[in-house]
Amino acid sequence: MDFTVAALALIVFLPVMAFTAALVRLGSPGPIFFRQKRMGRHGREFTLFKFRSMCPKKGSNSSITVSGDARITPVGALLRRYKLDELPQFWNVLRGDMCLVGPRPKLPHHEALHMACRPGITGAATLAFRKEEEFLSEIPEDQLETFYELFVKPAKAHLDLEYMRTASFSSDLEIVWRTATACLFSADDSLAESAEVITQYESTRSAAPEGKYSSISIGHLIAAQRTYSSGLNQEL
């Protein structure tokens, strides 16, 4: 099914992809496609394809991207908002590197989760953190790496593990539908959902050793949850 849907998607979106490629080429210097090694099923590395949305020579060298990052090009900001930069990954699905729904593929040197299934274009964690860049922009730059490592990555890994444990055809269809609607319509509760997922995960963890979490990071997590609490998404 993944192969058939990916083939149809590439045909249907071919005009959009051609127009997007032209925008990327004319919008800033650099290649049309962004290529990066990622970890796939059972630890197999593959090359992930995206439309380039950043200028790597600008801004910081951080692997974490936030809203307003100087590396994001004007065209790239538009592509990232509507997830158009992800369209080339249907080619990854066609190649058998990825599937439509599953955990997002990680960088090989960051991969701590052994995936028994192929990584996906979208998934439960992708949906919960679909506005991750805006969410992380609320965290001070000097706390960003720590906050991401201690809160965001474990919460994502937990969602990925739950997906691999409970995935079904109907749940995959629901994720695909929610992804499509999220790309077209911007929901006000998206940021609240990220904060809620992290908070729920942290509440289920065993007590951490004293001093593990920085007070600033925790303070900003609480602040984010309060800021967005009026729009909490009850679906997760």
C-alpha atoms as a PDB file:
ATOM      1  CA  MET A   1       0.000   0.000   0.000  1.00  0.00           C
ATOM      2  CA  ASP A   2       2.804   2.443   0.893  1.00  0.00           C
ATOM      3  CA  PHE A   3       4.426   1.869  -2.501  1.00  0.00           C
ATOM      4  CA  THR A   4       1.159   2.489  -4.380  1.00  0.00           C
ATOM      5  CA  VAL A   5       0.247   5.621  -2.411  1.00  0.00           C
ATOM      6  CA  ALA A   6       3.774   7.036  -2.775  1.00  0.00           C
ATOM      7  CA  ALA A   7       3.750   6.427  -6.538  1.00  0.00           C
ATOM      8  CA  LEU A   8       0.355   8.109  -6.901  1.00  0.00           C
ATOM      9  CA  ALA A   9       1.445  11.004  -4.668  1.00  0.00           C
ATOM     10  CA  LEU A  10       4.540  11.632  -6.776  1.00  0.00           C
ATOM     11  CA  ILE A  11       2.381  11.741  -9.908  1.00  0.00           C
ATOM     12  CA  VAL A  12      -0.310  13.969  -8.368  1.00  0.00           C
ATOM     13  CA  PHE A  13       2.170  16.353  -6.727  1.00  0.00           C
ATOM     14  CA  LEU A  14       4.577  16.466  -9.667  1.00  0.00           C
ATOM     15  CA  PRO A  15       3.428  19.955 -10.812  1.00  0.00           C
ATOM     16  CA  VAL A  16       3.642  21.236  -7.221  1.00  0.00           C
ATOM     17  CA  MET A  17       7.086  19.735  -6.792  1.00  0.00           C
ATOM     18  CA  ALA A  18       8.297  21.209 -10.085  1.00  0.00           C
ATOM     19  CA  PHE A  19       7.066  24.660  -9.055  1.00  0.00           C
ATOM     20  CA  THR A  20       8.601  24.237  -5.598  1.00  0.00           C
ATOM     21  CA  ALA A  21      11.922  23.215  -7.098  1.00  0.00           C
ATOM     22  CA  ALA A  22      11.917  26.368  -9.233  1.00  0.00           C
ATOM     23  CA  LEU A  23      11.168  28.522  -6.181  1.00  0.00           C
ATOM     24  CA  VAL A  24      14.021  26.949  -4.224  1.00  0.00           C
ATOM     25  CA  ARG A  25      16.450  27.407  -7.123  1.00  0.00           C
ATOM     26  CA  LEU A  26      15.506  31.051  -7.693  1.00  0.00           C
ATOM     27  CA  GLY A  27      14.992  31.943  -4.044  1.00  0.00           C
ATOM     28  CA  SER A  28      18.529  31.443  -2.752  1.00  0.00           C
ATOM     29  CA  PRO A  29      21.902  30.035  -3.826  1.00  0.00           C
ATOM     30  CA  GLY A  30      22.413  26.347  -3.260  1.00  0.00           C
ATOM     31  CA  PRO A  31      21.092  22.953  -4.347  1.00  0.00           C
ATOM     32  CA  ILE A  32      17.385  22.261  -4.817  1.00  0.00           C
ATOM     33  CA  PHE A  33      17.409  19.196  -2.606  1.00  0.00           C
ATOM     34  CA  PHE A  34      18.656  18.708   0.926  1.00  0.00           C
ATOM     35  CA  ARG A  35      20.218  15.269   1.411  1.00  0.00           C
ATOM     36  CA  GLN A  36      21.131  13.782   4.761  1.00  0.00           C
ATOM     37  CA  LYS A  37      22.016  10.356   6.125  1.00  0.00           C
ATOM     38  CA  ARG A  38      19.357   9.011   8.471  1.00  0.00           C
ATOM     39  CA  MET A  39      18.871   5.806  10.432  1.00  0.00           C
ATOM     40  CA  GLY A  40      16.202   3.444   9.172  1.00  0.00           C
ATOM     41  CA  ARG A  41      14.778   0.065  10.066  1.00  0.00           C
ATOM     42  CA  HIS A  42      17.114  -2.216  12.028  1.00  0.00           C
ATOM     43  CA  GLY A  43      19.864   0.416  11.959  1.00  0.00           C
ATOM     44  CA  ARG A  44      20.187   0.629   8.178  1.00  0.00           C
ATOM     45  CA  GLU A  45      21.331   4.051   6.981  1.00  0.00           C
ATOM     46  CA  PHE A  46      19.734   5.739   3.996  1.00  0.00           C
ATOM     47  CA  THR A  47      19.721   9.151   2.324  1.00  0.00           C
ATOM     48  CA  LEU A  48      16.730  11.328   3.201  1.00  0.00           C
ATOM     49  CA  PHE A  49      15.511  13.810   0.581  1.00  0.00           C
ATOM     50  CA  LYS A  50      13.860  17.180   1.206  1.00  0.00           C
ATOM     51  CA  PHE A  51      13.524  20.434  -0.655  1.00  0.00           C
ATOM     52  CA  ARG A  52      16.214  22.735   0.713  1.00  0.00           C
ATOM     53  CA  SER A  53      14.720  25.323   3.032  1.00  0.00           C
ATOM     54  CA  MET A  54      17.863  26.709   4.670  1.00  0.00           C
ATOM     55  CA  CYS A  55      21.153  28.390   3.856  1.00  0.00           C
ATOM     56  CA  PRO A  56      23.690  26.342   5.838  1.00  0.00           C
ATOM     57  CA  LYS A  57      26.333  29.084   5.779  1.00  0.00           C
ATOM     58  CA  LYS A  58      24.126  31.525   7.688  1.00  0.00           C
ATOM     59  CA  GLY A  59      23.356  31.635  11.392  1.00  0.00           C
ATOM     60  CA  SER A  60      24.371  29.023  13.939  1.00  0.00           C
ATOM     61  CA  ASN A  61      25.487  25.434  13.398  1.00  0.00           C
ATOM     62  CA  SER A  62      22.922  24.040  15.847  1.00  0.00           C
ATOM     63  CA  SER A  63      21.022  20.953  14.740  1.00  0.00           C
ATOM     64  CA  ILE A  64      17.925  22.388  16.435  1.00  0.00           C
ATOM     65  CA  THR A  65      15.895  24.798  14.328  1.00  0.00           C
ATOM     66  CA  VAL A  66      13.540  27.349  15.843  1.00  0.00           C
ATOM     67  CA  SER A  67      11.094  29.790  14.338  1.00  0.00           C
ATOM     68  CA  GLY A  68      12.909  32.837  12.975  1.00  0.00           C
ATOM     69  CA  ASP A  69      16.210  30.972  12.512  1.00  0.00           C
ATOM     70  CA  ALA A  70      18.456  33.070  10.256  1.00  0.00           C
ATOM     71  CA  ARG A  71      19.322  29.972   8.231  1.00  0.00           C
ATOM     72  CA  ILE A  72      15.740  29.574   6.955  1.00  0.00           C
ATOM     73  CA  THR A  73      15.244  31.206   3.559  1.00  0.00           C
ATOM     74  CA  PRO A  74      12.077  33.205   2.737  1.00  0.00           C
ATOM     75  CA  VAL A  75      10.973  30.417   0.385  1.00  0.00           C
ATOM     76  CA  GLY A  76      11.978  27.853   2.997  1.00  0.00           C
ATOM     77  CA  ALA A  77       9.740  29.448   5.608  1.00  0.00           C
ATOM     78  CA  LEU A  78       6.764  28.974   3.300  1.00  0.00           C
ATOM     79  CA  LEU A  79       7.736  25.388   2.510  1.00  0.00           C
ATOM     80  CA  ARG A  80       8.202  24.490   6.164  1.00  0.00           C
ATOM     81  CA  ARG A  81       4.887  26.066   7.170  1.00  0.00           C
ATOM     82  CA  TYR A  82       2.916  23.822   4.817  1.00  0.00           C
ATOM     83  CA  LYS A  83       5.391  20.897   4.951  1.00  0.00           C
ATOM     84  CA  LEU A  84       6.031  21.139   1.216  1.00  0.00           C
ATOM     85  CA  ASP A  85       9.725  20.517   1.867  1.00  0.00           C
ATOM     86  CA  GLU A  86       8.796  16.959   2.875  1.00  0.00           C
ATOM     87  CA  LEU A  87       7.263  15.995  -0.502  1.00  0.00           C
ATOM     88  CA  PRO A  88      10.466  14.401  -1.910  1.00  0.00           C
ATOM     89  CA  GLN A  89      10.239  11.810   0.858  1.00  0.00           C
ATOM     90  CA  PHE A  90       7.583  10.012  -1.182  1.00  0.00           C
ATOM     91  CA  TRP A  91      10.612   8.972  -3.245  1.00  0.00           C
ATOM     92  CA  ASN A  92      12.131   7.507  -0.064  1.00  0.00           C
ATOM     93  CA  VAL A  93       8.913   5.538   0.416  1.00  0.00           C
ATOM     94  CA  LEU A  94       9.067   4.332  -3.174  1.00  0.00           C
ATOM     95  CA  ARG A  95      12.658   3.176  -2.583  1.00  0.00           C
ATOM     96  CA  GLY A  96      11.627   1.252   0.531  1.00  0.00           C
ATOM     97  CA  ASP A  97      13.616   3.450   2.933  1.00  0.00           C
ATOM     98  CA  MET A  98      10.504   4.826   4.615  1.00  0.00           C
ATOM     99  CA  CYS A  99       6.778   4.293   4.901  1.00  0.00           C
ATOM    100  CA  LEU A 100       3.908   6.768   5.114  1.00  0.00           C
ATOM    101  CA  VAL A 101       3.404   6.491   8.869  1.00  0.00           C
ATOM    102  CA  GLY A 102       6.027   5.693  11.475  1.00  0.00           C
ATOM    103  CA  PRO A 103       8.677   7.219  13.736  1.00  0.00           C
ATOM    104  CA  ARG A 104      10.618  10.041  12.101  1.00  0.00           C
ATOM    105  CA  PRO A 105      14.068   8.937  10.908  1.00  0.00           C
ATOM    106  CA  LYS A 106      16.820  10.149  13.207  1.00  0.00           C
ATOM    107  CA  LEU A 107      20.409  11.157  12.610  1.00  0.00           C
ATOM    108  CA  PRO A 108      22.620   8.059  12.993  1.00  0.00           C
ATOM    109  CA  HIS A 109      24.738   9.551  15.792  1.00  0.00           C
ATOM    110  CA  HIS A 110      21.591  10.662  17.661  1.00  0.00           C
ATOM    111  CA  GLU A 111      19.721   7.395  17.271  1.00  0.00           C
ATOM    112  CA  ALA A 112      18.976   5.793  20.633  1.00  0.00           C
ATOM    113  CA  LEU A 113      15.740   4.129  19.566  1.00  0.00           C
ATOM    114  CA  HIS A 114      16.117   0.830  17.731  1.00  0.00           C
ATOM    115  CA  MET A 115      13.329   0.859  15.166  1.00  0.00           C
ATOM    116  CA  ALA A 116      11.779  -2.457  14.279  1.00  0.00           C
ATOM    117  CA  CYS A 117       9.703  -0.740  11.607  1.00  0.00           C
ATOM    118  CA  ARG A 118      10.544   1.629   8.796  1.00  0.00           C
ATOM    119  CA  PRO A 119      10.550   5.348   9.675  1.00  0.00           C
ATOM    120  CA  GLY A 120       7.656   7.397   8.348  1.00  0.00           C
ATOM    121  CA  ILE A 121       6.923  10.698   6.658  1.00  0.00           C
ATOM    122  CA  THR A 122       4.489  11.394   9.470  1.00  0.00           C
ATOM    123  CA  GLY A 123       3.614   9.818  12.790  1.00  0.00           C
ATOM    124  CA  ALA A 124       2.256  10.378  16.282  1.00  0.00           C
ATOM    125  CA  ALA A 125       5.323  12.311  17.433  1.00  0.00           C
ATOM    126  CA  THR A 126       5.380  14.339  14.209  1.00  0.00           C
ATOM    127  CA  LEU A 127       1.787  15.422  14.813  1.00  0.00           C
ATOM    128  CA  ALA A 128       2.303  16.233  18.481  1.00  0.00           C
ATOM    129  CA  PHE A 129       5.308  18.421  17.632  1.00  0.00           C
ATOM    130  CA  ARG A 130       4.146  19.730  14.259  1.00  0.00           C
ATOM    131  CA  LYS A 131       4.936  23.281  15.383  1.00  0.00           C
ATOM    132  CA  GLU A 132       8.105  22.367  17.191  1.00  0.00           C
ATOM    133  CA  GLU A 133      10.060  25.317  15.815  1.00  0.00           C
ATOM    134  CA  GLU A 134       7.576  27.827  17.233  1.00  0.00           C
ATOM    135  CA  PHE A 135       7.385  25.934  20.510  1.00  0.00           C
ATOM    136  CA  LEU A 136      11.174  25.869  20.929  1.00  0.00           C
ATOM    137  CA  SER A 137      11.480  29.558  20.056  1.00  0.00           C
ATOM    138  CA  GLU A 138      10.109  30.277  23.551  1.00  0.00           C
ATOM    139  CA  ILE A 139      13.145  28.614  25.150  1.00  0.00           C
ATOM    140  CA  PRO A 140      16.257  30.765  25.797  1.00  0.00           C
ATOM    141  CA  GLU A 141      19.045  29.947  23.351  1.00  0.00           C
ATOM    142  CA  ASP A 142      21.474  28.940  26.095  1.00  0.00           C
ATOM    143  CA  GLN A 143      18.924  26.435  27.446  1.00  0.00           C
ATOM    144  CA  LEU A 144      17.728  25.088  24.103  1.00  0.00           C
ATOM    145  CA  GLU A 145      20.042  22.080  23.759  1.00  0.00           C
ATOM    146  CA  THR A 146      19.434  21.000  27.360  1.00  0.00           C
ATOM    147  CA  PHE A 147      15.678  21.446  27.111  1.00  0.00           C
ATOM    148  CA  TYR A 148      15.527  19.443  23.879  1.00  0.00           C
ATOM    149  CA  GLU A 149      17.660  16.591  25.217  1.00  0.00           C
ATOM    150  CA  LEU A 150      15.860  16.316  28.572  1.00  0.00           C
ATOM    151  CA  PHE A 151      12.259  16.914  27.546  1.00  0.00           C
ATOM    152  CA  VAL A 152      11.529  16.866  23.814  1.00  0.00           C
ATOM    153  CA  LYS A 153      13.580  13.847  22.692  1.00  0.00           C
ATOM    154  CA  PRO A 154      12.357  11.498  25.453  1.00  0.00           C
ATOM    155  CA  ALA A 155       8.727  12.521  24.872  1.00  0.00           C
ATOM    156  CA  LYS A 156       9.089  11.881  21.135  1.00  0.00           C
ATOM    157  CA  ALA A 157      10.769   8.525  21.750  1.00  0.00           C
ATOM    158  CA  HIS A 158       7.924   7.549  24.082  1.00  0.00           C
ATOM    159  CA  LEU A 159       5.328   8.368  21.406  1.00  0.00           C
ATOM    160  CA  ASP A 160       7.329   6.432  18.810  1.00  0.00           C
ATOM    161  CA  LEU A 161       7.544   3.373  21.055  1.00  0.00           C
ATOM    162  CA  GLU A 162       3.822   3.532  21.763  1.00  0.00           C
ATOM    163  CA  TYR A 163       3.152   3.749  18.037  1.00  0.00           C
ATOM    164  CA  MET A 164       5.285   0.690  17.285  1.00  0.00           C
ATOM    165  CA  ARG A 165       3.501  -1.203  20.061  1.00  0.00           C
ATOM    166  CA  THR A 166      -0.085  -0.324  19.123  1.00  0.00           C
ATOM    167  CA  ALA A 167      -0.084   0.662  15.427  1.00  0.00           C
ATOM    168  CA  SER A 168      -2.956  -0.546  13.272  1.00  0.00           C
ATOM    169  CA  PHE A 169      -4.297   0.194   9.804  1.00  0.00           C
ATOM    170  CA  SER A 170      -7.048   2.402  11.221  1.00  0.00           C
ATOM    171  CA  SER A 171      -4.644   4.353  13.445  1.00  0.00           C
ATOM    172  CA  ASP A 172      -2.356   4.937  10.459  1.00  0.00           C
ATOM    173  CA  LEU A 173      -5.293   6.239   8.409  1.00  0.00           C
ATOM    174  CA  GLU A 174      -6.189   8.611  11.249  1.00  0.00           C
ATOM    175  CA  ILE A 175      -2.617   9.925  11.422  1.00  0.00           C
ATOM    176  CA  VAL A 176      -2.517  10.470   7.647  1.00  0.00           C
ATOM    177  CA  TRP A 177      -5.839  12.349   7.773  1.00  0.00           C
ATOM    178  CA  ARG A 178      -4.772  14.509  10.720  1.00  0.00           C
ATOM    179  CA  THR A 179      -1.472  15.260   9.005  1.00  0.00           C
ATOM    180  CA  ALA A 180      -3.204  16.376   5.819  1.00  0.00           C
ATOM    181  CA  THR A 181      -5.580  18.677   7.685  1.00  0.00           C
ATOM    182  CA  ALA A 182      -2.776  20.045   9.883  1.00  0.00           C
ATOM    183  CA  CYS A 183      -0.759  20.974   6.770  1.00  0.00           C
ATOM    184  CA  LEU A 184      -3.711  22.894   5.335  1.00  0.00           C
ATOM    185  CA  PHE A 185      -5.102  24.480   8.486  1.00  0.00           C
ATOM    186  CA  SER A 186      -3.105  26.028  11.306  1.00  0.00           C
ATOM    187  CA  ALA A 187      -4.546  25.036  14.675  1.00  0.00           C
ATOM    188  CA  ASP A 188      -4.129  27.297  17.693  1.00  0.00           C
ATOM    189  CA  ASP A 189      -3.790  24.273  19.974  1.00  0.00           C
ATOM    190  CA  SER A 190      -0.661  22.903  18.260  1.00  0.00           C
ATOM    191  CA  LEU A 191       1.760  24.557  20.683  1.00  0.00           C
ATOM    192  CA  ALA A 192      -0.341  23.520  23.647  1.00  0.00           C
ATOM    193  CA  GLU A 193      -0.254  19.920  22.468  1.00  0.00           C
ATOM    194  CA  SER A 194       3.546  19.883  22.484  1.00  0.00           C
ATOM    195  CA  ALA A 195       3.673  21.208  26.047  1.00  0.00           C
ATOM    196  CA  GLU A 196       0.941  18.798  27.124  1.00  0.00           C
ATOM    197  CA  VAL A 197       2.681  15.753  25.644  1.00  0.00           C
ATOM    198  CA  ILE A 198       5.932  16.610  27.436  1.00  0.00           C
ATOM    199  CA  THR A 199       4.135  17.255  30.715  1.00  0.00           C
ATOM    200  CA  GLN A 200       2.176  14.010  30.505  1.00  0.00           C
ATOM    201  CA  TYR A 201       5.319  12.059  29.747  1.00  0.00           C
ATOM    202  CA  GLU A 202       7.283  13.666  32.580  1.00  0.00           C
ATOM    203  CA  SER A 203       4.472  12.883  35.022  1.00  0.00           C
ATOM    204  CA  THR A 204       4.763   9.165  34.220  1.00  0.00           C
ATOM    205  CA  ARG A 205       8.517   8.958  34.635  1.00  0.00           C
ATOM    206  CA  SER A 206      10.064   7.731  37.825  1.00  0.00           C
ATOM    207  CA  ALA A 207      11.598  10.386  40.050  1.00  0.00           C
ATOM    208  CA  ALA A 208      14.797  11.714  38.497  1.00  0.00           C
ATOM    209  CA  PRO A 209      18.069  12.090  40.434  1.00  0.00           C
ATOM    210  CA  GLU A 210      18.376  15.433  42.141  1.00  0.00           C
ATOM    211  CA  GLY A 211      19.737  18.132  39.892  1.00  0.00           C
ATOM    212  CA  LYS A 212      19.062  16.337  36.624  1.00  0.00           C
ATOM    213  CA  TYR A 213      16.748  19.014  35.267  1.00  0.00           C
ATOM    214  CA  SER A 214      17.713  22.667  35.129  1.00  0.00           C
ATOM    215  CA  SER A 215      15.309  24.987  36.897  1.00  0.00           C
ATOM    216  CA  ILE A 216      15.246  27.318  33.905  1.00  0.00           C
ATOM    217  CA  SER A 217      14.181  24.521  31.571  1.00  0.00           C
ATOM    218  CA  ILE A 218      11.425  23.403  33.920  1.00  0.00           C
ATOM    219  CA  GLY A 219      10.309  26.979  34.381  1.00  0.00           C
ATOM    220  CA  HIS A 220       9.908  27.484  30.668  1.00  0.00           C
ATOM    221  CA  LEU A 221       8.061  24.197  30.252  1.00  0.00           C
ATOM    222  CA  ILE A 222       5.580  25.298  32.913  1.00  0.00           C
ATOM    223  CA  ALA A 223       5.335  28.756  31.349  1.00  0.00           C
ATOM    224  CA  ALA A 224       4.692  27.245  27.924  1.00  0.00           C
ATOM    225  CA  GLN A 225       1.984  24.991  29.312  1.00  0.00           C
ATOM    226  CA  ARG A 226       0.266  27.944  31.021  1.00  0.00           C
ATOM    227  CA  THR A 227       0.574  30.114  27.930  1.00  0.00           C
ATOM    228  CA  TYR A 228      -1.104  27.570  25.673  1.00  0.00           C
ATOM    229  CA  SER A 229      -3.384  25.842  28.203  1.00  0.00           C
ATOM    230  CA  SER A 230      -6.507  27.530  26.823  1.00  0.00           C
ATOM    231  CA  GLY A 231      -6.191  25.549  23.625  1.00  0.00           C
ATOM    232  CA  LEU A 232      -5.147  22.097  24.797  1.00  0.00           C
ATOM    233  CA  ASN A 233      -5.830  19.361  22.284  1.00  0.00           C
ATOM    234  CA  GLN A 234      -7.698  16.541  24.002  1.00  0.00           C
ATOM    235  CA  GLU A 235      -7.100  14.017  21.216  1.00  0.00           C
ATOM    236  CA  LEU A 236      -3.805  12.781  22.710  1.00  0.00           C
END
